[in-house]
Amino acid sequence: MQSNARSHGAATGIEVGPPRTRPSALCLALALVAGCASGPTYEQLSGSLPAIPPGQGRIFLFLTGATEVPGFFPQPTLDGAKIGELRTGTYLYADRPAGRHVVGIYVKEGNAAFGSQGATDPVDVLLAPGERVYIEADTLSLVGMVKVTLRPVPPDEGASTMLPLHPAPPASP
């Protein structure tokens, strides 16, 4: 006769019972809040990315680990236009003509769950033809507000940091 009762090992404290076939509600809720990325990684996709067009360079932005503000997803801007939405463990890129460009973060209005959103100091990028530039984003929780920081990283560090990351979703309206 099969029993659904769970027993606890006396000495080990290990729960014994039938294997779980579905994730718990808590796990699902955490995954939704964290906005976890899935699908192929940058390492898997990097060889199939389109070539950088002649006279242009490529700007990569990424958000690596868990942030201090789960559920808040920064929306990077390039020359004032939103280019995507960074979630934990994601990256995005944009090809632009060689020259000066400004990378920033769109300030979302009405972040009731997080308080106000502080302005992000923009990063000026002087892009050379064929160059790859890497910028890491991070979110910080401050009293009554959320703040996003941007940090340029050296090309070797940026390329290796992005290997396990997934493509970010497109910008939301």
C-alpha atoms as a PDB file:
ATOM      1  CA  MET A   1       0.000   0.000   0.000  1.00  0.00           C
ATOM      2  CA  GLN A   2       1.405   3.359  -1.027  1.00  0.00           C
ATOM      3  CA  SER A   3       1.505   6.100   1.557  1.00  0.00           C
ATOM      4  CA  ASN A   4       1.656   9.841   0.923  1.00  0.00           C
ATOM      5  CA  ALA A   5       2.878  10.473   4.459  1.00  0.00           C
ATOM      6  CA  ARG A   6       6.309  12.064   4.821  1.00  0.00           C
ATOM      7  CA  SER A   7       8.759  10.875   7.404  1.00  0.00           C
ATOM      8  CA  HIS A   8      11.787  12.626   8.749  1.00  0.00           C
ATOM      9  CA  GLY A   9      15.095  10.830   9.167  1.00  0.00           C
ATOM     10  CA  ALA A  10      15.847  10.686  12.876  1.00  0.00           C
ATOM     11  CA  ALA A  11      19.547  11.481  12.640  1.00  0.00           C
ATOM     12  CA  THR A  12      19.741  13.364   9.347  1.00  0.00           C
ATOM     13  CA  GLY A  13      16.743  15.685   9.371  1.00  0.00           C
ATOM     14  CA  ILE A  14      16.194  14.833   5.689  1.00  0.00           C
ATOM     15  CA  GLU A  15      12.596  14.797   4.554  1.00  0.00           C
ATOM     16  CA  VAL A  16      11.635  11.563   2.810  1.00  0.00           C
ATOM     17  CA  GLY A  17       8.605  11.259   0.595  1.00  0.00           C
ATOM     18  CA  PRO A  18       7.408  11.233  -2.991  1.00  0.00           C
ATOM     19  CA  PRO A  19       9.351  13.538  -5.312  1.00  0.00           C
ATOM     20  CA  ARG A  20       7.776  16.894  -6.053  1.00  0.00           C
ATOM     21  CA  THR A  21       6.627  17.222  -9.604  1.00  0.00           C
ATOM     22  CA  ARG A  22       5.736  20.917  -9.511  1.00  0.00           C
ATOM     23  CA  PRO A  23       7.639  23.865  -8.104  1.00  0.00           C
ATOM     24  CA  SER A  24       6.163  25.396  -4.992  1.00  0.00           C
ATOM     25  CA  ALA A  25       4.133  28.584  -5.203  1.00  0.00           C
ATOM     26  CA  LEU A  26       6.956  30.403  -3.403  1.00  0.00           C
ATOM     27  CA  CYS A  27       9.482  29.351  -6.054  1.00  0.00           C
ATOM     28  CA  LEU A  28       7.178  30.491  -8.844  1.00  0.00           C
ATOM     29  CA  ALA A  29       6.546  33.827  -7.144  1.00  0.00           C
ATOM     30  CA  LEU A  30      10.272  34.418  -6.648  1.00  0.00           C
ATOM     31  CA  ALA A  31      10.963  33.612 -10.289  1.00  0.00           C
ATOM     32  CA  LEU A  32       8.312  36.090 -11.423  1.00  0.00           C
ATOM     33  CA  VAL A  33       9.542  38.836  -9.116  1.00  0.00           C
ATOM     34  CA  ALA A  34      13.174  38.308 -10.068  1.00  0.00           C
ATOM     35  CA  GLY A  35      12.349  38.341 -13.768  1.00  0.00           C
ATOM     36  CA  CYS A  36      14.745  35.483 -14.307  1.00  0.00           C
ATOM     37  CA  ALA A  37      16.170  35.139 -17.764  1.00  0.00           C
ATOM     38  CA  SER A  38      16.043  31.943 -19.746  1.00  0.00           C
ATOM     39  CA  GLY A  39      16.942  30.647 -23.169  1.00  0.00           C
ATOM     40  CA  PRO A  40      20.307  30.701 -24.918  1.00  0.00           C
ATOM     41  CA  THR A  41      23.208  32.575 -23.335  1.00  0.00           C
ATOM     42  CA  TYR A  42      25.500  35.186 -24.836  1.00  0.00           C
ATOM     43  CA  GLU A  43      28.180  32.495 -25.044  1.00  0.00           C
ATOM     44  CA  GLN A  44      25.848  30.372 -27.185  1.00  0.00           C
ATOM     45  CA  LEU A  45      24.670  33.297 -29.327  1.00  0.00           C
ATOM     46  CA  SER A  46      27.816  35.406 -29.697  1.00  0.00           C
ATOM     47  CA  GLY A  47      29.016  33.578 -32.806  1.00  0.00           C
ATOM     48  CA  SER A  48      25.691  34.169 -34.544  1.00  0.00           C
ATOM     49  CA  LEU A  49      25.316  37.894 -33.775  1.00  0.00           C
ATOM     50  CA  PRO A  50      25.325  40.017 -36.915  1.00  0.00           C
ATOM     51  CA  ALA A  51      28.578  41.685 -37.876  1.00  0.00           C
ATOM     52  CA  ILE A  52      28.982  45.286 -36.780  1.00  0.00           C
ATOM     53  CA  PRO A  53      28.056  47.418 -39.809  1.00  0.00           C
ATOM     54  CA  PRO A  54      30.900  49.375 -41.443  1.00  0.00           C
ATOM     55  CA  GLY A  55      31.520  52.726 -39.755  1.00  0.00           C
ATOM     56  CA  GLN A  56      29.632  51.674 -36.614  1.00  0.00           C
ATOM     57  CA  GLY A  57      30.461  50.271 -33.188  1.00  0.00           C
ATOM     58  CA  ARG A  58      28.489  48.134 -30.728  1.00  0.00           C
ATOM     59  CA  ILE A  59      27.440  49.164 -27.220  1.00  0.00           C
ATOM     60  CA  PHE A  60      26.588  46.334 -24.805  1.00  0.00           C
ATOM     61  CA  LEU A  61      24.667  46.919 -21.564  1.00  0.00           C
ATOM     62  CA  PHE A  62      24.161  44.219 -18.971  1.00  0.00           C
ATOM     63  CA  LEU A  63      22.798  43.479 -15.495  1.00  0.00           C
ATOM     64  CA  THR A  64      24.528  40.486 -13.943  1.00  0.00           C
ATOM     65  CA  GLY A  65      23.449  39.236 -10.532  1.00  0.00           C
ATOM     66  CA  ALA A  66      20.510  39.813  -8.270  1.00  0.00           C
ATOM     67  CA  THR A  67      19.884  43.451  -7.543  1.00  0.00           C
ATOM     68  CA  GLU A  68      18.968  45.155  -4.294  1.00  0.00           C
ATOM     69  CA  VAL A  69      15.550  45.913  -5.807  1.00  0.00           C
ATOM     70  CA  PRO A  70      13.956  42.691  -7.100  1.00  0.00           C
ATOM     71  CA  GLY A  71      11.142  43.361  -9.543  1.00  0.00           C
ATOM     72  CA  PHE A  72      12.541  46.707 -10.709  1.00  0.00           C
ATOM     73  CA  PHE A  73      13.864  46.535 -14.269  1.00  0.00           C
ATOM     74  CA  PRO A  74      15.946  49.461 -15.548  1.00  0.00           C
ATOM     75  CA  GLN A  75      15.284  50.682 -19.077  1.00  0.00           C
ATOM     76  CA  PRO A  76      18.533  51.857 -20.687  1.00  0.00           C
ATOM     77  CA  THR A  77      18.503  54.768 -23.096  1.00  0.00           C
ATOM     78  CA  LEU A  78      20.915  55.501 -25.891  1.00  0.00           C
ATOM     79  CA  ASP A  79      21.007  59.094 -27.067  1.00  0.00           C
ATOM     80  CA  GLY A  80      17.695  59.648 -25.232  1.00  0.00           C
ATOM     81  CA  ALA A  81      15.741  56.706 -26.729  1.00  0.00           C
ATOM     82  CA  LYS A  82      14.789  53.575 -24.741  1.00  0.00           C
ATOM     83  CA  ILE A  83      16.553  50.517 -26.160  1.00  0.00           C
ATOM     84  CA  GLY A  84      15.338  47.693 -23.918  1.00  0.00           C
ATOM     85  CA  GLU A  85      14.719  46.529 -20.391  1.00  0.00           C
ATOM     86  CA  LEU A  86      17.458  44.917 -18.309  1.00  0.00           C
ATOM     87  CA  ARG A  87      16.437  42.110 -16.015  1.00  0.00           C
ATOM     88  CA  THR A  88      18.682  40.129 -13.726  1.00  0.00           C
ATOM     89  CA  GLY A  89      21.105  38.071 -15.823  1.00  0.00           C
ATOM     90  CA  THR A  90      20.434  39.818 -19.152  1.00  0.00           C
ATOM     91  CA  TYR A  91      22.221  41.922 -21.744  1.00  0.00           C
ATOM     92  CA  LEU A  92      21.324  43.992 -24.759  1.00  0.00           C
ATOM     93  CA  TYR A  93      23.305  45.754 -27.449  1.00  0.00           C
ATOM     94  CA  ALA A  94      22.897  48.500 -29.994  1.00  0.00           C
ATOM     95  CA  ASP A  95      24.965  49.336 -33.065  1.00  0.00           C
ATOM     96  CA  ARG A  96      25.571  53.025 -33.624  1.00  0.00           C
ATOM     97  CA  PRO A  97      27.682  55.171 -35.964  1.00  0.00           C
ATOM     98  CA  ALA A  98      31.177  55.961 -34.752  1.00  0.00           C
ATOM     99  CA  GLY A  99      31.205  59.089 -32.607  1.00  0.00           C
ATOM    100  CA  ARG A 100      29.928  60.344 -29.263  1.00  0.00           C
ATOM    101  CA  HIS A 101      26.880  58.712 -27.673  1.00  0.00           C
ATOM    102  CA  VAL A 102      25.180  59.025 -24.290  1.00  0.00           C
ATOM    103  CA  VAL A 103      23.962  55.987 -22.339  1.00  0.00           C
ATOM    104  CA  GLY A 104      21.464  56.597 -19.548  1.00  0.00           C
ATOM    105  CA  ILE A 105      18.500  55.071 -17.743  1.00  0.00           C
ATOM    106  CA  TYR A 106      14.909  56.114 -18.380  1.00  0.00           C
ATOM    107  CA  VAL A 107      13.300  57.470 -15.201  1.00  0.00           C
ATOM    108  CA  LYS A 108      10.032  55.631 -14.640  1.00  0.00           C
ATOM    109  CA  GLU A 109       7.228  57.643 -13.085  1.00  0.00           C
ATOM    110  CA  GLY A 110       4.977  56.115 -10.445  1.00  0.00           C
ATOM    111  CA  ASN A 111       7.269  53.488  -8.910  1.00  0.00           C
ATOM    112  CA  ALA A 112       4.947  53.140  -5.908  1.00  0.00           C
ATOM    113  CA  ALA A 113       6.459  49.840  -4.796  1.00  0.00           C
ATOM    114  CA  PHE A 114       9.984  51.264  -4.835  1.00  0.00           C
ATOM    115  CA  GLY A 115       9.504  54.936  -4.024  1.00  0.00           C
ATOM    116  CA  SER A 116      10.864  57.442  -6.506  1.00  0.00           C
ATOM    117  CA  GLN A 117      13.567  56.644  -9.037  1.00  0.00           C
ATOM    118  CA  GLY A 118      16.658  58.773  -8.839  1.00  0.00           C
ATOM    119  CA  ALA A 119      18.275  60.055 -11.990  1.00  0.00           C
ATOM    120  CA  THR A 120      21.196  58.008 -13.254  1.00  0.00           C
ATOM    121  CA  ASP A 121      24.459  59.702 -14.110  1.00  0.00           C
ATOM    122  CA  PRO A 122      24.810  59.170 -17.873  1.00  0.00           C
ATOM    123  CA  VAL A 123      27.874  57.585 -19.436  1.00  0.00           C
ATOM    124  CA  ASP A 124      29.477  59.284 -22.427  1.00  0.00           C
ATOM    125  CA  VAL A 125      30.778  56.841 -25.018  1.00  0.00           C
ATOM    126  CA  LEU A 126      33.204  57.779 -27.769  1.00  0.00           C
ATOM    127  CA  LEU A 127      32.657  54.891 -30.175  1.00  0.00           C
ATOM    128  CA  ALA A 128      35.222  53.979 -32.832  1.00  0.00           C
ATOM    129  CA  PRO A 129      34.336  51.963 -35.966  1.00  0.00           C
ATOM    130  CA  GLY A 130      34.186  48.243 -35.122  1.00  0.00           C
ATOM    131  CA  GLU A 131      34.657  48.893 -31.384  1.00  0.00           C
ATOM    132  CA  ARG A 132      32.715  47.050 -28.687  1.00  0.00           C
ATOM    133  CA  VAL A 133      31.927  48.991 -25.503  1.00  0.00           C
ATOM    134  CA  TYR A 134      30.584  47.314 -22.341  1.00  0.00           C
ATOM    135  CA  ILE A 135      28.527  49.017 -19.629  1.00  0.00           C
ATOM    136  CA  GLU A 136      27.286  47.298 -16.488  1.00  0.00           C
ATOM    137  CA  ALA A 137      24.089  48.446 -14.750  1.00  0.00           C
ATOM    138  CA  ASP A 138      23.290  47.936 -11.092  1.00  0.00           C
ATOM    139  CA  THR A 139      20.326  48.963  -8.958  1.00  0.00           C
ATOM    140  CA  LEU A 140      20.580  50.275  -5.423  1.00  0.00           C
ATOM    141  CA  SER A 141      17.879  50.658  -2.813  1.00  0.00           C
ATOM    142  CA  LEU A 142      18.139  53.992  -1.029  1.00  0.00           C
ATOM    143  CA  VAL A 143      15.762  55.449   1.544  1.00  0.00           C
ATOM    144  CA  GLY A 144      12.497  56.053  -0.323  1.00  0.00           C
ATOM    145  CA  MET A 145      13.994  55.579  -3.769  1.00  0.00           C
ATOM    146  CA  VAL A 146      15.734  53.295  -6.223  1.00  0.00           C
ATOM    147  CA  LYS A 147      18.875  54.363  -8.060  1.00  0.00           C
ATOM    148  CA  VAL A 148      20.535  52.790 -11.082  1.00  0.00           C
ATOM    149  CA  THR A 149      24.255  53.128 -11.638  1.00  0.00           C
ATOM    150  CA  LEU A 150      26.141  52.579 -14.887  1.00  0.00           C
ATOM    151  CA  ARG A 151      29.787  51.533 -14.988  1.00  0.00           C
ATOM    152  CA  PRO A 152      31.922  51.169 -18.118  1.00  0.00           C
ATOM    153  CA  VAL A 153      34.011  47.993 -17.968  1.00  0.00           C
ATOM    154  CA  PRO A 154      37.097  47.007 -19.963  1.00  0.00           C
ATOM    155  CA  PRO A 155      36.326  44.951 -23.111  1.00  0.00           C
ATOM    156  CA  ASP A 156      37.918  41.717 -21.803  1.00  0.00           C
ATOM    157  CA  GLU A 157      36.011  41.923 -18.515  1.00  0.00           C
ATOM    158  CA  GLY A 158      32.739  42.863 -20.225  1.00  0.00           C
ATOM    159  CA  ALA A 159      32.936  40.057 -22.793  1.00  0.00           C
ATOM    160  CA  SER A 160      33.710  37.407 -20.172  1.00  0.00           C
ATOM    161  CA  THR A 161      31.110  38.692 -17.695  1.00  0.00           C
ATOM    162  CA  MET A 162      28.402  38.464 -20.363  1.00  0.00           C
ATOM    163  CA  LEU A 163      29.037  34.802 -21.279  1.00  0.00           C
ATOM    164  CA  PRO A 164      26.288  33.340 -19.011  1.00  0.00           C
ATOM    165  CA  LEU A 165      23.804  36.179 -19.604  1.00  0.00           C
ATOM    166  CA  HIS A 166      20.630  36.004 -21.710  1.00  0.00           C
ATOM    167  CA  PRO A 167      19.197  38.519 -24.202  1.00  0.00           C
ATOM    168  CA  ALA A 168      17.060  41.197 -22.529  1.00  0.00           C
ATOM    169  CA  PRO A 169      13.441  41.793 -23.537  1.00  0.00           C
ATOM    170  CA  PRO A 170      12.674  44.778 -25.769  1.00  0.00           C
ATOM    171  CA  ALA A 171      11.779  48.145 -24.271  1.00  0.00           C
ATOM    172  CA  SER A 172       8.257  48.455 -22.945  1.00  0.00           C
ATOM    173  CA  PRO A 173       6.221  51.492 -23.993  1.00  0.00           C
END
